[in-house]
Amino acid sequence: MASVDECRQALQDLADRLDRNAETVRERVDLDRTLACRITDLDTAFHGRIADGRLVEMTDGDDPKAKIALSTSSDDLVALVRGELDVTRAVASRRVSIKASPFDLMKLRKLL
């Protein structure tokens, strides 16, 4: 099981990757939405925003009103960010759950 710090670092790595590729991401997914990432096996969460092709304002704690909510285990989160776990397969096998409006899911799908 990955630690809270490892999960936090994985999300920071993802934010850094999106930041480096913000222009490309923004062209594919034009969203400005709140995001919650819930780590089921650690009973913890992080929240922030997807805006202008970037993942910004990530901080500890849940946002129950987040427009997009991702739930997964700590190990699966780390594996997803490292590219070791295919997100489409993870969602299909219920290792990852993404709750969002149908419109947002369609936009997010462009990133998968």
PDB file of N, CA and C in Angstrom:
ATOM      1  N   MET A   1       0.847  -1.175   0.000  1.00  0.00           N
ATOM      2  CA  MET A   1       0.000   0.000   0.000  1.00  0.00           C
ATOM      3  C   MET A   1       0.892   1.237   0.000  1.00  0.00           C
ATOM      4  N   ALA A   2       0.615   2.141  -0.929  1.00  0.00           N
ATOM      5  CA  ALA A   2       1.348   3.404  -0.992  1.00  0.00           C
ATOM      6  C   ALA A   2       0.921   4.298   0.167  1.00  0.00           C
ATOM      7  N   SER A   3       1.802   5.172   0.563  1.00  0.00           N
ATOM      8  CA  SER A   3       1.522   6.084   1.674  1.00  0.00           C
ATOM      9  C   SER A   3       0.795   7.334   1.179  1.00  0.00           C
ATOM     10  N   VAL A   4       0.285   8.110   2.108  1.00  0.00           N
ATOM     11  CA  VAL A   4      -0.352   9.383   1.769  1.00  0.00           C
ATOM     12  C   VAL A   4       0.644  10.278   1.051  1.00  0.00           C
ATOM     13  N   ASP A   5       1.881  10.306   1.533  1.00  0.00           N
ATOM     14  CA  ASP A   5       2.911  11.136   0.891  1.00  0.00           C
ATOM     15  C   ASP A   5       3.192  10.678  -0.540  1.00  0.00           C
ATOM     16  N   GLU A   6       3.204   9.367  -0.777  1.00  0.00           N
ATOM     17  CA  GLU A   6       3.419   8.855  -2.132  1.00  0.00           C
ATOM     18  C   GLU A   6       2.254   9.240  -3.044  1.00  0.00           C
ATOM     19  N   CYS A   7       1.050   9.214  -2.522  1.00  0.00           N
ATOM     20  CA  CYS A   7      -0.120   9.643  -3.300  1.00  0.00           C
ATOM     21  C   CYS A   7      -0.046  11.132  -3.604  1.00  0.00           C
ATOM     22  N   ARG A   8       0.315  11.915  -2.615  1.00  0.00           N
ATOM     23  CA  ARG A   8       0.457  13.363  -2.799  1.00  0.00           C
ATOM     24  C   ARG A   8       1.515  13.643  -3.877  1.00  0.00           C
ATOM     25  N   GLN A   9       2.626  12.906  -3.814  1.00  0.00           N
ATOM     26  CA  GLN A   9       3.694  13.092  -4.798  1.00  0.00           C
ATOM     27  C   GLN A   9       3.241  12.665  -6.188  1.00  0.00           C
ATOM     28  N   ALA A  10       2.473  11.590  -6.279  1.00  0.00           N
ATOM     29  CA  ALA A  10       1.955  11.147  -7.578  1.00  0.00           C
ATOM     30  C   ALA A  10       1.073  12.232  -8.196  1.00  0.00           C
ATOM     31  N   LEU A  11       0.217  12.837  -7.392  1.00  0.00           N
ATOM     32  CA  LEU A  11      -0.632  13.914  -7.905  1.00  0.00           C
ATOM     33  C   LEU A  11       0.195  15.131  -8.301  1.00  0.00           C
ATOM     34  N   GLN A  12       1.258  15.401  -7.561  1.00  0.00           N
ATOM     35  CA  GLN A  12       2.150  16.509  -7.930  1.00  0.00           C
ATOM     36  C   GLN A  12       2.864  16.201  -9.243  1.00  0.00           C
ATOM     37  N   ASP A  13       3.288  14.947  -9.407  1.00  0.00           N
ATOM     38  CA  ASP A  13       3.924  14.538 -10.664  1.00  0.00           C
ATOM     39  C   ASP A  13       2.961  14.700 -11.835  1.00  0.00           C
ATOM     40  N   LEU A  14       1.700  14.319 -11.625  1.00  0.00           N
ATOM     41  CA  LEU A  14       0.686  14.486 -12.662  1.00  0.00           C
ATOM     42  C   LEU A  14       0.483  15.964 -12.976  1.00  0.00           C
ATOM     43  N   ALA A  15       0.403  16.786 -11.946  1.00  0.00           N
ATOM     44  CA  ALA A  15       0.240  18.232 -12.147  1.00  0.00           C
ATOM     45  C   ALA A  15       1.418  18.795 -12.934  1.00  0.00           C
ATOM     46  N   ASP A  16       2.631  18.348 -12.607  1.00  0.00           N
ATOM     47  CA  ASP A  16       3.823  18.821 -13.318  1.00  0.00           C
ATOM     48  C   ASP A  16       3.791  18.403 -14.785  1.00  0.00           C
ATOM     49  N   ARG A  17       3.377  17.166 -15.050  1.00  0.00           N
ATOM     50  CA  ARG A  17       3.295  16.667 -16.423  1.00  0.00           C
ATOM     51  C   ARG A  17       2.258  17.462 -17.218  1.00  0.00           C
ATOM     52  N   LEU A  18       1.093  17.702 -16.617  1.00  0.00           N
ATOM     53  CA  LEU A  18       0.068  18.493 -17.297  1.00  0.00           C
ATOM     54  C   LEU A  18       0.551  19.914 -17.537  1.00  0.00           C
ATOM     55  N   ASP A  19       1.278  20.466 -16.584  1.00  0.00           N
ATOM     56  CA  ASP A  19       1.795  21.825 -16.722  1.00  0.00           C
ATOM     57  C   ASP A  19       2.758  21.922 -17.910  1.00  0.00           C
ATOM     58  N   ARG A  20       3.607  20.911 -18.055  1.00  0.00           N
ATOM     59  CA  ARG A  20       4.559  20.906 -19.169  1.00  0.00           C
ATOM     60  C   ARG A  20       3.847  20.777 -20.517  1.00  0.00           C
ATOM     61  N   ASN A  21       2.683  20.162 -20.513  1.00  0.00           N
ATOM     62  CA  ASN A  21       1.936  19.916 -21.753  1.00  0.00           C
ATOM     63  C   ASN A  21       0.597  20.654 -21.770  1.00  0.00           C
ATOM     64  N   ALA A  22       0.507  21.753 -21.069  1.00  0.00           N
ATOM     65  CA  ALA A  22      -0.771  22.445 -20.880  1.00  0.00           C
ATOM     66  C   ALA A  22      -1.423  22.841 -22.195  1.00  0.00           C
ATOM     67  N   GLU A  23      -0.648  23.302 -23.149  1.00  0.00           N
ATOM     68  CA  GLU A  23      -1.227  23.735 -24.421  1.00  0.00           C
ATOM     69  C   GLU A  23      -1.906  22.569 -25.139  1.00  0.00           C
ATOM     70  N   THR A  24      -1.239  21.441 -25.192  1.00  0.00           N
ATOM     71  CA  THR A  24      -1.804  20.254 -25.843  1.00  0.00           C
ATOM     72  C   THR A  24      -3.027  19.759 -25.092  1.00  0.00           C
ATOM     73  N   VAL A  25      -2.936  19.712 -23.766  1.00  0.00           N
ATOM     74  CA  VAL A  25      -4.059  19.247 -22.955  1.00  0.00           C
ATOM     75  C   VAL A  25      -5.246  20.179 -23.130  1.00  0.00           C
ATOM     76  N   ARG A  26      -4.986  21.475 -23.121  1.00  0.00           N
ATOM     77  CA  ARG A  26      -6.069  22.459 -23.257  1.00  0.00           C
ATOM     78  C   ARG A  26      -6.777  22.297 -24.609  1.00  0.00           C
ATOM     79  N   GLU A  27      -6.021  21.975 -25.666  1.00  0.00           N
ATOM     80  CA  GLU A  27      -6.628  21.757 -26.983  1.00  0.00           C
ATOM     81  C   GLU A  27      -7.538  20.530 -26.976  1.00  0.00           C
ATOM     82  N   ARG A  28      -7.172  19.509 -26.210  1.00  0.00           N
ATOM     83  CA  ARG A  28      -7.945  18.267 -26.175  1.00  0.00           C
ATOM     84  C   ARG A  28      -9.096  18.333 -25.187  1.00  0.00           C
ATOM     85  N   VAL A  29      -8.865  18.991 -24.050  1.00  0.00           N
ATOM     86  CA  VAL A  29      -9.867  19.020 -22.983  1.00  0.00           C
ATOM     87  C   VAL A  29      -9.943  20.430 -22.409  1.00  0.00           C
ATOM     88  N   ASP A  30     -10.954  21.154 -22.825  1.00  0.00           N
ATOM     89  CA  ASP A  30     -11.154  22.514 -22.344  1.00  0.00           C
ATOM     90  C   ASP A  30     -12.140  22.475 -21.182  1.00  0.00           C
ATOM     91  N   LEU A  31     -11.603  22.275 -19.993  1.00  0.00           N
ATOM     92  CA  LEU A  31     -12.436  22.174 -18.788  1.00  0.00           C
ATOM     93  C   LEU A  31     -11.958  23.135 -17.729  1.00  0.00           C
ATOM     94  N   ASP A  32     -12.873  23.581 -16.932  1.00  0.00           N
ATOM     95  CA  ASP A  32     -12.554  24.300 -15.699  1.00  0.00           C
ATOM     96  C   ASP A  32     -13.489  23.710 -14.650  1.00  0.00           C
ATOM     97  N   ARG A  33     -12.993  22.696 -13.945  1.00  0.00           N
ATOM     98  CA  ARG A  33     -13.820  21.951 -12.999  1.00  0.00           C
ATOM     99  C   ARG A  33     -13.060  21.653 -11.718  1.00  0.00           C
ATOM    100  N   THR A  34     -13.799  21.586 -10.630  1.00  0.00           N
ATOM    101  CA  THR A  34     -13.212  21.123  -9.376  1.00  0.00           C
ATOM    102  C   THR A  34     -13.042  19.616  -9.460  1.00  0.00           C
ATOM    103  N   LEU A  35     -12.031  19.124  -8.761  1.00  0.00           N
ATOM    104  CA  LEU A  35     -11.678  17.714  -8.802  1.00  0.00           C
ATOM    105  C   LEU A  35     -11.394  17.209  -7.398  1.00  0.00           C
ATOM    106  N   ALA A  36     -11.923  16.048  -7.085  1.00  0.00           N
ATOM    107  CA  ALA A  36     -11.600  15.367  -5.830  1.00  0.00           C
ATOM    108  C   ALA A  36     -10.989  14.016  -6.192  1.00  0.00           C
ATOM    109  N   CYS A  37      -9.924  13.668  -5.505  1.00  0.00           N
ATOM    110  CA  CYS A  37      -9.280  12.368  -5.675  1.00  0.00           C
ATOM    111  C   CYS A  37      -9.338  11.668  -4.327  1.00  0.00           C
ATOM    112  N   ARG A  38     -10.162  10.637  -4.263  1.00  0.00           N
ATOM    113  CA  ARG A  38     -10.389   9.925  -3.001  1.00  0.00           C
ATOM    114  C   ARG A  38      -9.602   8.616  -3.000  1.00  0.00           C
ATOM    115  N   ILE A  39      -8.776   8.441  -1.974  1.00  0.00           N
ATOM    116  CA  ILE A  39      -7.925   7.263  -1.846  1.00  0.00           C
ATOM    117  C   ILE A  39      -8.610   6.316  -0.864  1.00  0.00           C
ATOM    118  N   THR A  40      -9.207   5.278  -1.400  1.00  0.00           N
ATOM    119  CA  THR A  40     -10.111   4.437  -0.620  1.00  0.00           C
ATOM    120  C   THR A  40      -9.427   3.649   0.495  1.00  0.00           C
ATOM    121  N   ASP A  41      -8.229   3.125   0.241  1.00  0.00           N
ATOM    122  CA  ASP A  41      -7.588   2.288   1.256  1.00  0.00           C
ATOM    123  C   ASP A  41      -6.892   3.098   2.343  1.00  0.00           C
ATOM    124  N   LEU A  42      -6.685   4.375   2.118  1.00  0.00           N
ATOM    125  CA  LEU A  42      -6.056   5.240   3.125  1.00  0.00           C
ATOM    126  C   LEU A  42      -7.067   6.137   3.818  1.00  0.00           C
ATOM    127  N   ASP A  43      -8.320   6.097   3.360  1.00  0.00           N
ATOM    128  CA  ASP A  43      -9.369   6.947   3.918  1.00  0.00           C
ATOM    129  C   ASP A  43      -8.931   8.410   3.944  1.00  0.00           C
ATOM    130  N   THR A  44      -8.395   8.840   2.791  1.00  0.00           N
ATOM    131  CA  THR A  44      -7.943  10.220   2.657  1.00  0.00           C
ATOM    132  C   THR A  44      -8.331  10.717   1.275  1.00  0.00           C
ATOM    133  N   ALA A  45      -8.173  12.002   1.060  1.00  0.00           N
ATOM    134  CA  ALA A  45      -8.543  12.588  -0.230  1.00  0.00           C
ATOM    135  C   ALA A  45      -7.707  13.842  -0.475  1.00  0.00           C
ATOM    136  N   PHE A  46      -7.710  14.245  -1.726  1.00  0.00           N
ATOM    137  CA  PHE A  46      -7.074  15.477  -2.164  1.00  0.00           C
ATOM    138  C   PHE A  46      -8.071  16.169  -3.083  1.00  0.00           C
ATOM    139  N   HIS A  47      -7.937  17.474  -3.205  1.00  0.00           N
ATOM    140  CA  HIS A  47      -8.814  18.186  -4.123  1.00  0.00           C
ATOM    141  C   HIS A  47      -8.086  19.354  -4.754  1.00  0.00           C
ATOM    142  N   GLY A  48      -8.602  19.767  -5.904  1.00  0.00           N
ATOM    143  CA  GLY A  48      -8.027  20.886  -6.644  1.00  0.00           C
ATOM    144  C   GLY A  48      -8.933  21.226  -7.805  1.00  0.00           C
ATOM    145  N   ARG A  49      -8.317  21.731  -8.892  1.00  0.00           N
ATOM    146  CA  ARG A  49      -9.067  22.128 -10.087  1.00  0.00           C
ATOM    147  C   ARG A  49      -8.324  21.666 -11.333  1.00  0.00           C
ATOM    148  N   ILE A  50      -9.099  21.378 -12.349  1.00  0.00           N
ATOM    149  CA  ILE A  50      -8.564  21.234 -13.692  1.00  0.00           C
ATOM    150  C   ILE A  50      -8.940  22.527 -14.389  1.00  0.00           C
ATOM    151  N   ALA A  51      -7.942  23.288 -14.811  1.00  0.00           N
ATOM    152  CA  ALA A  51      -8.194  24.579 -15.453  1.00  0.00           C
ATOM    153  C   ALA A  51      -7.085  24.878 -16.441  1.00  0.00           C
ATOM    154  N   ASP A  52      -7.465  25.319 -17.636  1.00  0.00           N
ATOM    155  CA  ASP A  52      -6.500  25.701 -18.675  1.00  0.00           C
ATOM    156  C   ASP A  52      -5.471  24.601 -18.954  1.00  0.00           C
ATOM    157  N   GLY A  53      -5.916  23.357 -18.935  1.00  0.00           N
ATOM    158  CA  GLY A  53      -5.020  22.251 -19.226  1.00  0.00           C
ATOM    159  C   GLY A  53      -4.073  21.896 -18.103  1.00  0.00           C
ATOM    160  N   ARG A  54      -4.335  22.439 -16.933  1.00  0.00           N
ATOM    161  CA  ARG A  54      -3.460  22.208 -15.778  1.00  0.00           C
ATOM    162  C   ARG A  54      -4.264  21.644 -14.606  1.00  0.00           C
ATOM    163  N   LEU A  55      -3.555  20.981 -13.713  1.00  0.00           N
ATOM    164  CA  LEU A  55      -4.107  20.533 -12.444  1.00  0.00           C
ATOM    165  C   LEU A  55      -3.540  21.480 -11.400  1.00  0.00           C
ATOM    166  N   VAL A  56      -4.401  22.317 -10.835  1.00  0.00           N
ATOM    167  CA  VAL A  56      -3.937  23.391  -9.956  1.00  0.00           C
ATOM    168  C   VAL A  56      -4.622  23.330  -8.596  1.00  0.00           C
ATOM    169  N   GLU A  57      -4.016  24.027  -7.662  1.00  0.00           N
ATOM    170  CA  GLU A  57      -4.576  24.197  -6.318  1.00  0.00           C
ATOM    171  C   GLU A  57      -4.801  22.868  -5.600  1.00  0.00           C
ATOM    172  N   MET A  58      -3.965  21.858  -5.887  1.00  0.00           N
ATOM    173  CA  MET A  58      -4.109  20.561  -5.215  1.00  0.00           C
ATOM    174  C   MET A  58      -3.732  20.710  -3.747  1.00  0.00           C
ATOM    175  N   THR A  59      -4.596  20.197  -2.909  1.00  0.00           N
ATOM    176  CA  THR A  59      -4.361  20.265  -1.477  1.00  0.00           C
ATOM    177  C   THR A  59      -5.009  19.058  -0.808  1.00  0.00           C
ATOM    178  N   ASP A  60      -4.663  18.828   0.426  1.00  0.00           N
ATOM    179  CA  ASP A  60      -5.223  17.712   1.182  1.00  0.00           C
ATOM    180  C   ASP A  60      -6.687  17.982   1.515  1.00  0.00           C
ATOM    181  N   GLY A  61      -7.443  16.895   1.615  1.00  0.00           N
ATOM    182  CA  GLY A  61      -8.843  16.987   2.018  1.00  0.00           C
ATOM    183  C   GLY A  61      -9.778  16.761   0.852  1.00  0.00           C
ATOM    184  N   ASP A  62     -10.981  16.372   1.176  1.00  0.00           N
ATOM    185  CA  ASP A  62     -11.997  16.083   0.178  1.00  0.00           C
ATOM    186  C   ASP A  62     -12.759  17.352  -0.186  1.00  0.00           C
ATOM    187  N   ASP A  63     -13.389  17.325  -1.335  1.00  0.00           N
ATOM    188  CA  ASP A  63     -14.319  18.363  -1.736  1.00  0.00           C
ATOM    189  C   ASP A  63     -15.602  17.648  -2.154  1.00  0.00           C
ATOM    190  N   PRO A  64     -16.552  17.515  -1.236  1.00  0.00           N
ATOM    191  CA  PRO A  64     -17.771  16.777  -1.554  1.00  0.00           C
ATOM    192  C   PRO A  64     -18.576  17.391  -2.697  1.00  0.00           C
ATOM    193  N   LYS A  65     -18.327  18.647  -3.024  1.00  0.00           N
ATOM    194  CA  LYS A  65     -19.045  19.312  -4.106  1.00  0.00           C
ATOM    195  C   LYS A  65     -18.267  19.313  -5.427  1.00  0.00           C
ATOM    196  N   ALA A  66     -17.140  18.591  -5.474  1.00  0.00           N
ATOM    197  CA  ALA A  66     -16.320  18.559  -6.686  1.00  0.00           C
ATOM    198  C   ALA A  66     -17.135  18.063  -7.873  1.00  0.00           C
ATOM    199  N   LYS A  67     -16.947  18.681  -9.001  1.00  0.00           N
ATOM    200  CA  LYS A  67     -17.670  18.308 -10.222  1.00  0.00           C
ATOM    201  C   LYS A  67     -17.161  16.995 -10.804  1.00  0.00           C
ATOM    202  N   ILE A  68     -15.886  16.677 -10.535  1.00  0.00           N
ATOM    203  CA  ILE A  68     -15.285  15.419 -10.979  1.00  0.00           C
ATOM    204  C   ILE A  68     -14.687  14.742  -9.759  1.00  0.00           C
ATOM    205  N   ALA A  69     -15.028  13.479  -9.537  1.00  0.00           N
ATOM    206  CA  ALA A  69     -14.505  12.735  -8.386  1.00  0.00           C
ATOM    207  C   ALA A  69     -13.914  11.418  -8.865  1.00  0.00           C
ATOM    208  N   LEU A  70     -12.664  11.214  -8.525  1.00  0.00           N
ATOM    209  CA  LEU A  70     -11.968   9.978  -8.849  1.00  0.00           C
ATOM    210  C   LEU A  70     -11.737   9.238  -7.546  1.00  0.00           C
ATOM    211  N   SER A  71     -12.086   7.956  -7.519  1.00  0.00           N
ATOM    212  CA  SER A  71     -11.862   7.123  -6.333  1.00  0.00           C
ATOM    213  C   SER A  71     -11.049   5.910  -6.746  1.00  0.00           C
ATOM    214  N   THR A  72     -10.005   5.617  -5.974  1.00  0.00           N
ATOM    215  CA  THR A  72      -9.150   4.478  -6.270  1.00  0.00           C
ATOM    216  C   THR A  72      -8.296   4.159  -5.051  1.00  0.00           C
ATOM    217  N   SER A  73      -7.583   3.056  -5.117  1.00  0.00           N
ATOM    218  CA  SER A  73      -6.658   2.712  -4.030  1.00  0.00           C
ATOM    219  C   SER A  73      -5.357   3.484  -4.217  1.00  0.00           C
ATOM    220  N   SER A  74      -4.575   3.527  -3.172  1.00  0.00           N
ATOM    221  CA  SER A  74      -3.303   4.252  -3.221  1.00  0.00           C
ATOM    222  C   SER A  74      -2.360   3.651  -4.262  1.00  0.00           C
ATOM    223  N   ASP A  75      -2.241   2.336  -4.289  1.00  0.00           N
ATOM    224  CA  ASP A  75      -1.351   1.683  -5.258  1.00  0.00           C
ATOM    225  C   ASP A  75      -1.814   1.933  -6.685  1.00  0.00           C
ATOM    226  N   ASP A  76      -3.116   1.897  -6.913  1.00  0.00           N
ATOM    227  CA  ASP A  76      -3.631   2.128  -8.260  1.00  0.00           C
ATOM    228  C   ASP A  76      -3.427   3.573  -8.697  1.00  0.00           C
ATOM    229  N   LEU A  77      -3.552   4.519  -7.790  1.00  0.00           N
ATOM    230  CA  LEU A  77      -3.294   5.915  -8.134  1.00  0.00           C
ATOM    231  C   LEU A  77      -1.846   6.085  -8.586  1.00  0.00           C
ATOM    232  N   VAL A  78      -0.927   5.552  -7.806  1.00  0.00           N
ATOM    233  CA  VAL A  78       0.498   5.661  -8.143  1.00  0.00           C
ATOM    234  C   VAL A  78       0.766   4.978  -9.481  1.00  0.00           C
ATOM    235  N   ALA A  79       0.191   3.802  -9.694  1.00  0.00           N
ATOM    236  CA  ALA A  79       0.393   3.076 -10.953  1.00  0.00           C
ATOM    237  C   ALA A  79      -0.200   3.839 -12.139  1.00  0.00           C
ATOM    238  N   LEU A  80      -1.353   4.453 -11.959  1.00  0.00           N
ATOM    239  CA  LEU A  80      -1.964   5.251 -13.029  1.00  0.00           C
ATOM    240  C   LEU A  80      -1.053   6.396 -13.443  1.00  0.00           C
ATOM    241  N   VAL A  81      -0.560   7.128 -12.459  1.00  0.00           N
ATOM    242  CA  VAL A  81       0.274   8.292 -12.757  1.00  0.00           C
ATOM    243  C   VAL A  81       1.584   7.869 -13.418  1.00  0.00           C
ATOM    244  N   ARG A  82       2.130   6.746 -13.001  1.00  0.00           N
ATOM    245  CA  ARG A  82       3.382   6.243 -13.595  1.00  0.00           C
ATOM    246  C   ARG A  82       3.173   5.624 -14.972  1.00  0.00           C
ATOM    247  N   GLY A  83       1.918   5.442 -15.370  1.00  0.00           N
ATOM    248  CA  GLY A  83       1.632   4.819 -16.649  1.00  0.00           C
ATOM    249  C   GLY A  83       1.694   3.305 -16.619  1.00  0.00           C
ATOM    250  N   GLU A  84       1.709   2.733 -15.434  1.00  0.00           N
ATOM    251  CA  GLU A  84       1.779   1.284 -15.272  1.00  0.00           C
ATOM    252  C   GLU A  84       0.402   0.634 -15.273  1.00  0.00           C
ATOM    253  N   LEU A  85      -0.647   1.430 -15.172  1.00  0.00           N
ATOM    254  CA  LEU A  85      -2.021   0.939 -15.152  1.00  0.00           C
ATOM    255  C   LEU A  85      -2.818   1.740 -16.167  1.00  0.00           C
ATOM    256  N   ASP A  86      -3.437   1.052 -17.105  1.00  0.00           N
ATOM    257  CA  ASP A  86      -4.257   1.694 -18.124  1.00  0.00           C
ATOM    258  C   ASP A  86      -5.569   2.157 -17.494  1.00  0.00           C
ATOM    259  N   VAL A  87      -5.864   3.425 -17.615  1.00  0.00           N
ATOM    260  CA  VAL A  87      -7.033   3.987 -16.942  1.00  0.00           C
ATOM    261  C   VAL A  87      -8.336   3.409 -17.491  1.00  0.00           C
ATOM    262  N   THR A  88      -8.394   3.143 -18.789  1.00  0.00           N
ATOM    263  CA  THR A  88      -9.615   2.576 -19.357  1.00  0.00           C
ATOM    264  C   THR A  88      -9.889   1.195 -18.770  1.00  0.00           C
ATOM    265  N   ARG A  89      -8.861   0.376 -18.707  1.00  0.00           N
ATOM    266  CA  ARG A  89      -9.022  -0.954 -18.112  1.00  0.00           C
ATOM    267  C   ARG A  89      -9.322  -0.863 -16.624  1.00  0.00           C
ATOM    268  N   ALA A  90      -8.690   0.086 -15.950  1.00  0.00           N
ATOM    269  CA  ALA A  90      -8.916   0.242 -14.516  1.00  0.00           C
ATOM    270  C   ALA A  90     -10.360   0.644 -14.225  1.00  0.00           C
ATOM    271  N   VAL A  91     -10.918   1.504 -15.051  1.00  0.00           N
ATOM    272  CA  VAL A  91     -12.326   1.895 -14.882  1.00  0.00           C
ATOM    273  C   VAL A  91     -13.221   0.705 -15.195  1.00  0.00           C
ATOM    274  N   ALA A  92     -12.922   0.001 -16.277  1.00  0.00           N
ATOM    275  CA  ALA A  92     -13.747  -1.147 -16.668  1.00  0.00           C
ATOM    276  C   ALA A  92     -13.739  -2.245 -15.607  1.00  0.00           C
ATOM    277  N   SER A  93     -12.605  -2.419 -14.929  1.00  0.00           N
ATOM    278  CA  SER A  93     -12.506  -3.453 -13.892  1.00  0.00           C
ATOM    279  C   SER A  93     -12.894  -2.933 -12.508  1.00  0.00           C
ATOM    280  N   ARG A  94     -13.330  -1.679 -12.452  1.00  0.00           N
ATOM    281  CA  ARG A  94     -13.769  -1.029 -11.216  1.00  0.00           C
ATOM    282  C   ARG A  94     -12.650  -0.813 -10.192  1.00  0.00           C
ATOM    283  N   ARG A  95     -11.426  -0.787 -10.670  1.00  0.00           N
ATOM    284  CA  ARG A  95     -10.314  -0.425  -9.792  1.00  0.00           C
ATOM    285  C   ARG A  95     -10.269   1.091  -9.612  1.00  0.00           C
ATOM    286  N   VAL A  96     -10.850   1.789 -10.568  1.00  0.00           N
ATOM    287  CA  VAL A  96     -10.950   3.247 -10.537  1.00  0.00           C
ATOM    288  C   VAL A  96     -12.396   3.619 -10.844  1.00  0.00           C
ATOM    289  N   SER A  97     -12.911   4.565 -10.076  1.00  0.00           N
ATOM    290  CA  SER A  97     -14.253   5.079 -10.301  1.00  0.00           C
ATOM    291  C   SER A  97     -14.144   6.574 -10.593  1.00  0.00           C
ATOM    292  N   ILE A  98     -14.795   7.002 -11.658  1.00  0.00           N
ATOM    293  CA  ILE A  98     -14.825   8.428 -11.990  1.00  0.00           C
ATOM    294  C   ILE A  98     -16.280   8.861 -12.054  1.00  0.00           C
ATOM    295  N   LYS A  99     -16.626   9.824 -11.209  1.00  0.00           N
ATOM    296  CA  LYS A  99     -17.978  10.374 -11.207  1.00  0.00           C
ATOM    297  C   LYS A  99     -17.909  11.801 -11.735  1.00  0.00           C
ATOM    298  N   ALA A 100     -18.682  12.031 -12.774  1.00  0.00           N
ATOM    299  CA  ALA A 100     -18.733  13.352 -13.395  1.00  0.00           C
ATOM    300  C   ALA A 100     -19.982  13.410 -14.257  1.00  0.00           C
ATOM    301  N   SER A 101     -20.314  14.591 -14.711  1.00  0.00           N
ATOM    302  CA  SER A 101     -21.456  14.720 -15.620  1.00  0.00           C
ATOM    303  C   SER A 101     -21.117  14.010 -16.928  1.00  0.00           C
ATOM    304  N   PRO A 102     -22.130  13.583 -17.656  1.00  0.00           N
ATOM    305  CA  PRO A 102     -21.861  12.935 -18.956  1.00  0.00           C
ATOM    306  C   PRO A 102     -21.015  13.817 -19.874  1.00  0.00           C
ATOM    307  N   PHE A 103     -21.258  15.106 -19.862  1.00  0.00           N
ATOM    308  CA  PHE A 103     -20.482  16.042 -20.683  1.00  0.00           C
ATOM    309  C   PHE A 103     -19.011  16.026 -20.278  1.00  0.00           C
ATOM    310  N   ASP A 104     -18.751  16.093 -18.972  1.00  0.00           N
ATOM    311  CA  ASP A 104     -17.371  16.083 -18.486  1.00  0.00           C
ATOM    312  C   ASP A 104     -16.694  14.746 -18.761  1.00  0.00           C
ATOM    313  N   LEU A 105     -17.429  13.650 -18.624  1.00  0.00           N
ATOM    314  CA  LEU A 105     -16.864  12.337 -18.924  1.00  0.00           C
ATOM    315  C   LEU A 105     -16.445  12.254 -20.391  1.00  0.00           C
ATOM    316  N   MET A 106     -17.253  12.808 -21.272  1.00  0.00           N
ATOM    317  CA  MET A 106     -16.888  12.807 -22.694  1.00  0.00           C
ATOM    318  C   MET A 106     -15.618  13.595 -22.931  1.00  0.00           C
ATOM    319  N   LYS A 107     -15.494  14.711 -22.275  1.00  0.00           N
ATOM    320  CA  LYS A 107     -14.276  15.520 -22.424  1.00  0.00           C
ATOM    321  C   LYS A 107     -13.062  14.808 -21.825  1.00  0.00           C
ATOM    322  N   LEU A 108     -13.235  14.234 -20.644  1.00  0.00           N
ATOM    323  CA  LEU A 108     -12.137  13.524 -20.000  1.00  0.00           C
ATOM    324  C   LEU A 108     -11.691  12.312 -20.817  1.00  0.00           C
ATOM    325  N   ARG A 109     -12.629  11.700 -21.493  1.00  0.00           N
ATOM    326  CA  ARG A 109     -12.321  10.526 -22.294  1.00  0.00           C
ATOM    327  C   ARG A 109     -11.267  10.827 -23.346  1.00  0.00           C
ATOM    328  N   LYS A 110     -11.211  12.065 -23.805  1.00  0.00           N
ATOM    329  CA  LYS A 110     -10.202  12.463 -24.796  1.00  0.00           C
ATOM    330  C   LYS A 110      -8.790  12.348 -24.236  1.00  0.00           C
ATOM    331  N   LEU A 111      -8.663  12.396 -22.935  1.00  0.00           N
ATOM    332  CA  LEU A 111      -7.339  12.257 -22.314  1.00  0.00           C
ATOM    333  C   LEU A 111      -6.931  10.803 -22.129  1.00  0.00           C
ATOM    334  N   LEU A 112      -7.898   9.903 -22.137  1.00  0.00           N
ATOM    335  CA  LEU A 112      -7.618   8.496 -21.841  1.00  0.00           C
ATOM    336  C   LEU A 112      -6.969   7.780 -23.005  1.00  0.00           C
TER     337      LEU A 112
END
